[in-house]
Amino acid sequence: MGAYEFQAKAADGRTVRGELEAANETEARIKLRAQKMIPLAVTPKGTVTRRNAQPLRKRKIKVAAKDLQIFTRQFAVLVGSGVPILQSLEAMAVGGRTQGMQVAVQGVLDAVSKGRPLAEAMSQFPSVFDRLYTNLVRAGEEGGVLEVVLNRLAEYIEKAAKIKGKVVGALWYPAGIIAVAALVITGIMIFVIPSFVKMFKQSGQELPWLTQMVVDMSNWFQGYWYILFGGIIGVFFVLKSYYETDDGRQFFDQVFIDTPLFGTLIQKTAIARVARTLSTLLGAGVRIIDAIEIAGSTSGNYVIEKLLIDAKDVVSRGRSLAEPLQKSKYFPTMVTQMIAIGEATGNMDTMLSKVADFYEDEVEAAAAALTSMIEPILMVFLGGVIAVIVIAMYLPVFNLAGAISGG
């Protein structure tokens, strides 16, 4: 048995601090819940308390979603087996992980061993454990349901990664085709057409206007290809930098969501993310105001995020979440009706989970439909470009053959 210092919330809402005897941290939390108190922080006596500790330094590292999902699932298994948080982190800090994940786990372990609450320890790595993650962990700590919350997080990360993969695949497929076609056309312009030009000069005949136009383009490519590719790269980085500003993100996200082909996919993806995030947060006991704000930041689109920020203000005044969303064309009637039913029955997390399931399937179907629709359009367009080049190169040959046969 050892002495543990605790900070807990009593049934009347007061914050209580004190000490108790327990074999480990898990037993200490169980004893507190048996006294109808919600444990906020439980640390071995003598460790640095949150009040005395210095603010944690934010550290930026990159971790793949798959690595985070595996860590979260393993953490849930250990906590569910009754292993204290500190010992669970120590077990997972032992090798076998990517460098980024190893650094994050070790950093969290160091902070927790000094008496930091788990959610606060994780907050020093915002690029790994985002606001959604840390808020859910905090709710799990306070409610004594950390295992449940970690399992929810693992499922959320897995589904979010799957949706992202579908969307990225749908968007990169046409981009890949266009890039390869551009390289092929550039190769024809620089290496193939000059061979035809030599043959045309030897014949001494006047070139048809279409052939002359392609030859002029070929000459321009040979002389200024670096300007073309430099300009494309420059425009890309300029647009990327502009998109990272608030005005740029607002402008482009509005354009993206209103684009005929891609807009539907982007809208459905954002709704699926919002519904899944809200369902996960509300199911873990996070306040609806905080849940709406976090869901907006994870939507991936400024238009949807702005709608949810406005809705948060409406909800904070005691009104329904469904009410402001019903006025927007970006939230389908089915979604707002499900939210309204969830609010009326007190089962909004369940309703939002069903909405998320539906729209995740919709995203998958929309991505497949978009790919199948774009493929023939691109093939026709690129085939047309190649056909024009081929015809332009053979027109002088046909004209020369006609002149010879006529003579």
Protein backbone atom coordinates (compact mmCIF):
# COMPACT_ATOMS: atom_id res chain seq x y z
CA MET A 1 0.00 0.00 0.00
CA GLY A 2 1.15 3.54 -0.77
CA ALA A 3 -0.06 7.09 -0.28
CA TYR A 4 -1.72 8.84 -3.23
CA GLU A 5 -2.64 12.49 -3.55
CA PHE A 6 -5.84 13.13 -5.45
CA GLN A 7 -7.97 15.87 -6.92
CA ALA A 8 -11.60 14.89 -7.50
CA LYS A 9 -15.02 16.36 -8.15
CA ALA A 10 -17.60 15.68 -5.45
CA ALA A 11 -21.30 14.98 -6.09
CA ASP A 12 -22.20 18.60 -5.28
CA GLY A 13 -19.71 19.88 -7.87
CA ARG A 14 -16.99 20.94 -5.44
CA THR A 15 -13.35 20.15 -6.23
CA VAL A 16 -11.82 18.08 -3.41
CA ARG A 17 -8.12 17.48 -2.76
CA GLY A 18 -6.67 14.97 -0.33
CA GLU A 19 -4.77 11.74 0.25
CA LEU A 20 -5.69 8.08 0.44
CA GLU A 21 -4.00 4.71 0.77
CA ALA A 22 -4.08 2.34 -2.22
CA ALA A 23 -2.04 -0.44 -3.80
CA ASN A 24 -1.86 1.41 -7.10
CA GLU A 25 -3.37 4.28 -9.09
CA THR A 26 -6.23 2.16 -10.42
CA GLU A 27 -7.29 1.11 -6.94
CA ALA A 28 -7.09 4.74 -5.79
CA ARG A 29 -9.45 5.81 -8.56
CA ILE A 30 -11.84 2.95 -7.73
CA LYS A 31 -11.91 4.05 -4.09
CA LEU A 32 -12.70 7.62 -5.11
CA ARG A 33 -15.56 6.53 -7.39
CA ALA A 34 -16.89 4.35 -4.56
CA GLN A 35 -17.14 7.58 -2.55
CA LYS A 36 -19.20 9.05 -5.43
CA MET A 37 -16.35 11.34 -6.52
CA ILE A 38 -14.98 11.76 -10.03
CA PRO A 39 -11.15 11.52 -10.00
CA LEU A 40 -9.49 14.39 -11.85
CA ALA A 41 -5.86 13.64 -10.94
CA VAL A 42 -4.32 10.82 -8.90
CA THR A 43 -0.56 10.81 -8.30
CA PRO A 44 1.81 9.06 -5.86
CA LYS A 45 2.54 11.28 -2.90
CA GLY A 46 5.66 13.35 -3.35
CA THR A 47 5.47 13.80 -7.14
CA VAL A 48 5.26 17.23 -8.70
CA THR A 49 1.66 18.45 -8.70
CA ARG A 50 -0.02 20.20 -11.58
CA ARG A 51 -0.18 23.45 -9.63
CA ASN A 52 3.58 23.56 -9.10
CA ALA A 53 4.64 22.26 -12.48
CA GLN A 54 5.86 24.49 -15.28
CA PRO A 55 3.74 24.68 -18.46
CA LEU A 56 4.60 21.94 -20.92
CA ARG A 57 6.47 22.95 -24.07
CA LYS A 58 4.60 22.20 -27.29
CA ARG A 59 6.54 19.83 -29.52
CA LYS A 60 5.80 19.21 -33.18
CA ILE A 61 6.42 15.73 -34.57
CA LYS A 62 4.78 13.70 -37.34
CA VAL A 63 3.06 10.39 -36.69
CA ALA A 64 1.06 8.29 -39.14
CA ALA A 65 -2.59 7.68 -38.29
CA LYS A 66 -1.97 3.92 -38.34
CA ASP A 67 0.74 4.23 -35.65
CA LEU A 68 -1.52 6.36 -33.46
CA GLN A 69 -4.37 3.89 -33.90
CA ILE A 70 -2.18 0.95 -32.85
CA PHE A 71 -0.89 2.87 -29.81
CA THR A 72 -4.42 3.80 -28.77
CA ARG A 73 -5.71 0.24 -29.13
CA GLN A 74 -2.81 -1.18 -27.12
CA PHE A 75 -3.23 1.49 -24.45
CA ALA A 76 -6.93 0.59 -24.15
CA VAL A 77 -6.11 -3.11 -23.70
CA LEU A 78 -3.57 -2.40 -20.96
CA VAL A 79 -5.82 0.03 -19.08
CA GLY A 80 -8.77 -2.35 -19.43
CA SER A 81 -6.66 -5.12 -17.94
CA GLY A 82 -6.19 -3.07 -14.78
CA VAL A 83 -2.61 -1.95 -15.48
CA PRO A 84 -2.04 1.57 -14.06
CA ILE A 85 -1.54 4.37 -16.57
CA LEU A 86 2.11 4.91 -15.66
CA GLN A 87 2.99 1.23 -16.02
CA SER A 88 0.99 1.03 -19.28
CA LEU A 89 3.02 3.89 -20.74
CA GLU A 90 6.26 2.32 -19.53
CA ALA A 91 5.35 -0.93 -21.29
CA MET A 92 4.56 0.88 -24.55
CA ALA A 93 7.68 3.05 -24.39
CA VAL A 94 9.83 -0.04 -24.96
CA GLY A 95 10.92 -0.04 -28.65
CA GLY A 96 9.04 -1.46 -31.60
CA ARG A 97 7.50 1.86 -32.70
CA THR A 98 8.27 4.49 -35.31
CA GLN A 99 10.62 7.23 -34.21
CA GLY A 100 7.89 9.88 -33.96
CA MET A 101 5.56 7.67 -31.92
CA GLN A 102 8.42 6.61 -29.66
CA VAL A 103 9.27 10.25 -28.91
CA ALA A 104 5.61 11.03 -28.17
CA VAL A 105 5.10 8.04 -25.85
CA GLN A 106 8.33 8.79 -23.96
CA GLY A 107 7.36 12.45 -23.61
CA VAL A 108 3.92 11.55 -22.24
CA LEU A 109 5.49 9.01 -19.88
CA ASP A 110 7.95 11.58 -18.52
CA ALA A 111 5.17 14.11 -17.89
CA VAL A 112 2.81 11.58 -16.25
CA SER A 113 5.61 10.27 -14.02
CA LYS A 114 5.99 13.86 -12.72
CA GLY A 115 2.35 14.01 -11.73
CA ARG A 116 0.76 15.45 -14.86
CA PRO A 117 -2.75 14.29 -15.81
CA LEU A 118 -2.64 12.10 -18.92
CA ALA A 119 -4.57 14.54 -21.13
CA GLU A 120 -2.27 17.42 -20.19
CA ALA A 121 0.80 15.27 -20.82
CA MET A 122 -0.52 14.42 -24.29
CA SER A 123 -1.29 18.06 -25.08
CA GLN A 124 2.44 18.79 -25.45
CA PHE A 125 2.26 16.91 -28.78
CA PRO A 126 -0.67 18.65 -30.55
CA SER A 127 0.38 17.29 -33.95
CA VAL A 128 -0.04 13.74 -32.57
CA PHE A 129 -2.76 14.08 -29.94
CA ASP A 130 -5.10 16.77 -31.26
CA ARG A 131 -7.85 18.59 -29.34
CA LEU A 132 -10.33 15.81 -30.05
CA TYR A 133 -7.95 13.21 -28.63
CA THR A 134 -6.96 15.14 -25.50
CA ASN A 135 -10.54 16.20 -24.73
CA LEU A 136 -11.74 12.63 -24.93
CA VAL A 137 -8.88 11.40 -22.76
CA ARG A 138 -9.66 14.12 -20.21
CA ALA A 139 -13.32 13.05 -20.21
CA GLY A 140 -12.25 9.43 -19.78
CA GLU A 141 -9.99 10.32 -16.85
CA GLU A 142 -12.64 12.39 -15.12
CA GLY A 143 -15.37 9.81 -15.64
CA GLY A 144 -13.24 6.77 -14.87
CA VAL A 145 -13.98 5.29 -18.30
CA LEU A 146 -10.58 5.72 -19.97
CA GLU A 147 -10.66 2.23 -21.51
CA VAL A 148 -14.00 2.94 -23.21
CA VAL A 149 -12.78 6.30 -24.48
CA LEU A 150 -9.53 4.86 -25.86
CA ASN A 151 -11.45 2.16 -27.74
CA ARG A 152 -13.72 4.87 -29.17
CA LEU A 153 -10.67 6.85 -30.23
CA ALA A 154 -9.06 3.83 -31.91
CA GLU A 155 -12.24 3.21 -33.91
CA TYR A 156 -12.52 6.90 -34.78
CA ILE A 157 -8.91 7.10 -36.02
CA GLU A 158 -9.37 3.94 -38.09
CA LYS A 159 -12.55 5.20 -39.76
CA ALA A 160 -11.14 8.69 -40.30
CA ALA A 161 -8.05 7.23 -41.98
CA LYS A 162 -10.22 5.07 -44.22
CA ILE A 163 -12.33 8.04 -45.31
CA LYS A 164 -9.24 10.17 -45.92
CA GLY A 165 -7.74 7.39 -48.04
CA LYS A 166 -10.85 7.20 -50.20
CA VAL A 167 -10.95 10.97 -50.76
CA VAL A 168 -7.22 11.30 -51.44
CA GLY A 169 -7.40 8.38 -53.85
CA ALA A 170 -10.30 9.96 -55.72
CA LEU A 171 -8.49 13.30 -56.00
CA TRP A 172 -5.01 12.01 -56.80
CA TYR A 173 -6.10 9.58 -59.51
CA PRO A 174 -7.02 12.26 -62.08
CA ALA A 175 -4.06 14.39 -60.97
CA GLY A 176 -1.74 11.43 -61.63
CA ILE A 177 -3.19 10.82 -65.09
CA ILE A 178 -2.84 14.51 -66.00
CA ALA A 179 0.77 14.61 -64.74
CA VAL A 180 1.79 11.54 -66.77
CA ALA A 181 0.01 12.86 -69.86
CA ALA A 182 1.72 16.23 -69.48
CA LEU A 183 5.11 14.53 -69.36
CA VAL A 184 4.30 12.44 -72.45
CA ILE A 185 3.11 15.49 -74.42
CA THR A 186 6.19 17.45 -73.32
CA GLY A 187 8.40 14.59 -74.51
CA ILE A 188 6.65 14.57 -77.90
CA MET A 189 7.04 18.34 -78.23
CA ILE A 190 10.75 18.34 -77.35
CA PHE A 191 12.04 15.10 -78.91
CA VAL A 192 9.60 13.78 -81.55
CA ILE A 193 8.30 16.82 -83.41
CA PRO A 194 11.81 18.23 -84.21
CA SER A 195 12.45 15.06 -86.27
CA PHE A 196 9.36 15.82 -88.37
CA VAL A 197 10.42 19.48 -88.73
CA LYS A 198 13.72 18.42 -90.35
CA MET A 199 11.79 16.30 -92.86
CA PHE A 200 9.39 19.17 -93.62
CA LYS A 201 12.28 21.58 -94.28
CA GLN A 202 13.80 19.15 -96.77
CA SER A 203 10.53 18.97 -98.71
CA GLY A 204 10.43 22.77 -99.03
CA GLN A 205 6.60 22.91 -98.97
CA GLU A 206 4.51 25.39 -97.00
CA LEU A 207 3.16 23.88 -93.80
CA PRO A 208 -0.59 23.78 -93.04
CA TRP A 209 -1.69 26.19 -90.28
CA LEU A 210 -2.35 23.37 -87.80
CA THR A 211 1.11 21.89 -88.38
CA GLN A 212 2.73 25.31 -88.10
CA MET A 213 0.95 25.94 -84.80
CA VAL A 214 2.21 22.64 -83.33
CA VAL A 215 5.74 23.31 -84.64
CA ASP A 216 5.71 26.78 -83.03
CA MET A 217 4.59 25.20 -79.75
CA SER A 218 7.38 22.65 -80.03
CA ASN A 219 9.94 25.40 -80.59
CA TRP A 220 8.63 27.27 -77.56
CA PHE A 221 8.82 24.10 -75.42
CA GLN A 222 12.42 23.49 -76.49
CA GLY A 223 13.47 27.04 -75.70
CA TYR A 224 11.41 27.82 -72.62
CA TRP A 225 10.44 24.51 -71.00
CA TYR A 226 12.10 25.57 -67.75
CA ILE A 227 9.86 28.67 -67.62
CA LEU A 228 6.78 26.48 -68.00
CA PHE A 229 7.71 24.01 -65.26
CA GLY A 230 9.13 26.76 -63.04
CA GLY A 231 5.89 28.70 -63.46
CA ILE A 232 3.76 25.66 -62.58
CA ILE A 233 5.81 24.96 -59.45
CA GLY A 234 5.79 28.65 -58.51
CA VAL A 235 2.02 28.95 -58.91
CA PHE A 236 1.56 25.80 -56.82
CA PHE A 237 3.59 27.18 -53.91
CA VAL A 238 1.95 30.61 -54.15
CA LEU A 239 -1.51 29.06 -54.00
CA LYS A 240 -0.43 26.73 -51.19
CA SER A 241 0.91 29.67 -49.17
CA TYR A 242 -2.27 31.65 -49.80
CA TYR A 243 -4.41 28.69 -48.76
CA GLU A 244 -2.60 28.58 -45.42
CA THR A 245 -3.90 32.08 -44.63
CA ASP A 246 -7.41 32.60 -43.22
CA ASP A 247 -8.59 34.53 -46.30
CA GLY A 248 -7.12 31.94 -48.68
CA ARG A 249 -8.65 28.99 -46.83
CA GLN A 250 -12.02 30.73 -46.73
CA PHE A 251 -11.91 31.46 -50.48
CA PHE A 252 -10.67 28.07 -51.67
CA ASP A 253 -12.85 26.00 -49.32
CA GLN A 254 -15.90 27.87 -50.59
CA VAL A 255 -14.83 27.19 -54.18
CA PHE A 256 -14.07 23.52 -53.44
CA ILE A 257 -17.41 22.76 -51.80
CA ASP A 258 -19.33 24.50 -54.62
CA THR A 259 -17.40 22.78 -57.44
CA PRO A 260 -19.81 20.57 -59.46
CA LEU A 261 -17.73 17.39 -59.57
CA PHE A 262 -15.74 17.50 -56.33
CA GLY A 263 -18.11 19.58 -54.20
CA THR A 264 -20.44 16.71 -53.31
CA LEU A 265 -17.54 14.50 -52.24
CA ILE A 266 -16.05 17.28 -50.07
CA GLN A 267 -19.44 18.05 -48.50
CA LYS A 268 -20.17 14.42 -47.64
CA THR A 269 -16.67 13.94 -46.24
CA ALA A 270 -17.04 16.98 -43.98
CA ILE A 271 -20.46 15.82 -42.73
CA ALA A 272 -19.14 12.32 -42.03
CA ARG A 273 -16.24 13.78 -40.02
CA VAL A 274 -18.47 16.17 -38.08
CA ALA A 275 -21.04 13.48 -37.25
CA ARG A 276 -18.37 10.96 -36.18
CA THR A 277 -16.51 13.54 -34.07
CA LEU A 278 -19.67 14.82 -32.36
CA SER A 279 -20.88 11.28 -31.70
CA THR A 280 -17.54 10.27 -30.17
CA LEU A 281 -17.26 13.40 -28.01
CA LEU A 282 -20.84 13.43 -26.77
CA GLY A 283 -20.74 9.70 -26.07
CA ALA A 284 -17.71 10.30 -23.84
CA GLY A 285 -19.46 13.04 -21.87
CA VAL A 286 -17.78 16.12 -23.37
CA ARG A 287 -19.92 19.29 -23.14
CA ILE A 288 -21.90 19.94 -26.32
CA ILE A 289 -20.43 23.45 -26.70
CA ASP A 290 -16.88 22.08 -26.63
CA ALA A 291 -17.89 19.14 -28.85
CA ILE A 292 -19.33 21.44 -31.54
CA GLU A 293 -16.20 23.61 -31.57
CA ILE A 294 -13.87 20.60 -31.86
CA ALA A 295 -16.06 18.98 -34.52
CA GLY A 296 -15.89 22.16 -36.58
CA SER A 297 -12.09 22.22 -36.46
CA THR A 298 -11.92 18.59 -37.67
CA SER A 299 -14.40 19.05 -40.55
CA GLY A 300 -11.65 19.92 -43.02
CA ASN A 301 -13.64 22.71 -44.68
CA TYR A 302 -13.93 26.35 -43.61
CA VAL A 303 -17.56 26.63 -44.75
CA ILE A 304 -18.71 23.76 -42.53
CA GLU A 305 -16.48 24.97 -39.67
CA LYS A 306 -18.01 28.48 -39.84
CA LEU A 307 -21.53 27.02 -39.79
CA LEU A 308 -20.71 25.03 -36.66
CA ILE A 309 -19.10 28.03 -34.93
CA ASP A 310 -22.30 30.00 -35.56
CA ALA A 311 -24.36 27.02 -34.37
CA LYS A 312 -22.27 26.84 -31.17
CA ASP A 313 -23.28 30.43 -30.36
CA VAL A 314 -26.94 29.52 -30.89
CA VAL A 315 -26.67 26.41 -28.69
CA SER A 316 -24.90 28.40 -25.95
CA ARG A 317 -28.07 30.52 -25.74
CA GLY A 318 -30.11 27.43 -24.99
CA ARG A 319 -31.50 26.72 -28.45
CA SER A 320 -31.39 23.60 -30.62
CA LEU A 321 -28.34 22.59 -32.69
CA ALA A 322 -30.59 21.44 -35.54
CA GLU A 323 -32.19 24.89 -35.86
CA PRO A 324 -29.25 26.87 -37.36
CA LEU A 325 -28.08 23.90 -39.45
CA GLN A 326 -31.50 23.58 -41.11
CA LYS A 327 -30.98 27.00 -42.71
CA SER A 328 -27.81 25.88 -44.51
CA LYS A 329 -27.79 24.18 -47.90
CA TYR A 330 -24.66 22.27 -46.88
CA PHE A 331 -26.43 20.18 -44.23
CA PRO A 332 -29.00 17.84 -45.85
CA THR A 333 -32.48 17.58 -44.35
CA MET A 334 -31.84 13.99 -43.25
CA VAL A 335 -28.88 15.09 -41.12
CA THR A 336 -30.70 17.93 -39.39
CA GLN A 337 -33.75 15.72 -38.79
CA MET A 338 -31.58 13.05 -37.15
CA ILE A 339 -29.94 15.70 -34.96
CA ALA A 340 -33.36 17.08 -33.98
CA ILE A 341 -34.60 13.59 -33.07
CA GLY A 342 -31.42 12.96 -31.07
CA GLU A 343 -31.89 16.21 -29.15
CA ALA A 344 -35.53 15.41 -28.44
CA THR A 345 -34.82 11.87 -27.22
CA GLY A 346 -31.49 12.54 -25.50
CA ASN A 347 -29.70 10.08 -27.79
CA MET A 348 -27.87 12.52 -30.04
CA ASP A 349 -24.58 10.56 -29.92
CA THR A 350 -26.39 7.45 -31.20
CA MET A 351 -28.17 9.38 -33.95
CA LEU A 352 -24.96 11.07 -35.03
CA SER A 353 -23.20 7.71 -35.12
CA LYS A 354 -25.85 6.47 -37.57
CA VAL A 355 -25.42 9.63 -39.65
CA ALA A 356 -21.64 9.08 -39.68
CA ASP A 357 -22.05 5.43 -40.76
CA PHE A 358 -24.39 6.47 -43.59
CA TYR A 359 -22.18 9.29 -44.88
CA GLU A 360 -18.98 7.25 -44.64
CA ASP A 361 -20.63 4.78 -47.02
CA GLU A 362 -21.76 7.73 -49.15
CA VAL A 363 -18.19 9.06 -49.33
CA GLU A 364 -16.94 5.67 -50.49
CA ALA A 365 -19.64 5.49 -53.17
CA ALA A 366 -19.08 9.12 -54.23
CA ALA A 367 -15.31 8.58 -54.52
CA ALA A 368 -15.83 5.51 -56.71
CA ALA A 369 -18.40 7.34 -58.86
CA LEU A 370 -16.13 10.37 -59.25
CA THR A 371 -13.21 8.21 -60.35
CA SER A 372 -15.32 6.30 -62.88
CA MET A 373 -16.76 9.58 -64.20
CA ILE A 374 -13.45 11.43 -64.54
CA GLU A 375 -11.55 8.58 -66.17
CA PRO A 376 -13.39 8.59 -69.55
CA ILE A 377 -13.46 12.40 -69.61
CA LEU A 378 -9.71 12.56 -69.16
CA MET A 379 -9.12 9.79 -71.68
CA VAL A 380 -11.23 11.57 -74.32
CA PHE A 381 -9.52 14.92 -73.67
CA LEU A 382 -5.99 13.57 -73.65
CA GLY A 383 -6.72 11.31 -76.61
CA GLY A 384 -7.98 14.37 -78.48
CA VAL A 385 -4.78 16.30 -77.74
CA ILE A 386 -2.62 13.42 -78.98
CA ALA A 387 -4.83 13.03 -82.07
CA VAL A 388 -4.44 16.73 -82.94
CA ILE A 389 -0.64 16.45 -82.69
CA VAL A 390 -0.57 13.29 -84.86
CA ILE A 391 -2.86 14.81 -87.50
CA ALA A 392 -0.80 18.02 -87.54
CA MET A 393 2.39 16.05 -88.17
CA TYR A 394 0.93 13.94 -90.97
CA LEU A 395 -0.94 16.69 -92.84
CA PRO A 396 2.20 17.78 -94.75
CA VAL A 397 2.89 14.12 -95.60
CA PHE A 398 -0.62 13.73 -97.03
CA ASN A 399 -0.30 17.02 -98.95
CA LEU A 400 3.07 15.96 -100.37
CA ALA A 401 1.68 12.57 -101.40
CA GLY A 402 -1.27 14.30 -103.08
CA ALA A 403 1.02 16.66 -104.96
CA ILE A 404 3.18 13.78 -106.20
CA SER A 405 0.21 11.73 -107.38
CA GLY A 406 -1.32 14.82 -109.03
CA GLY A 407 1.93 15.52 -110.84
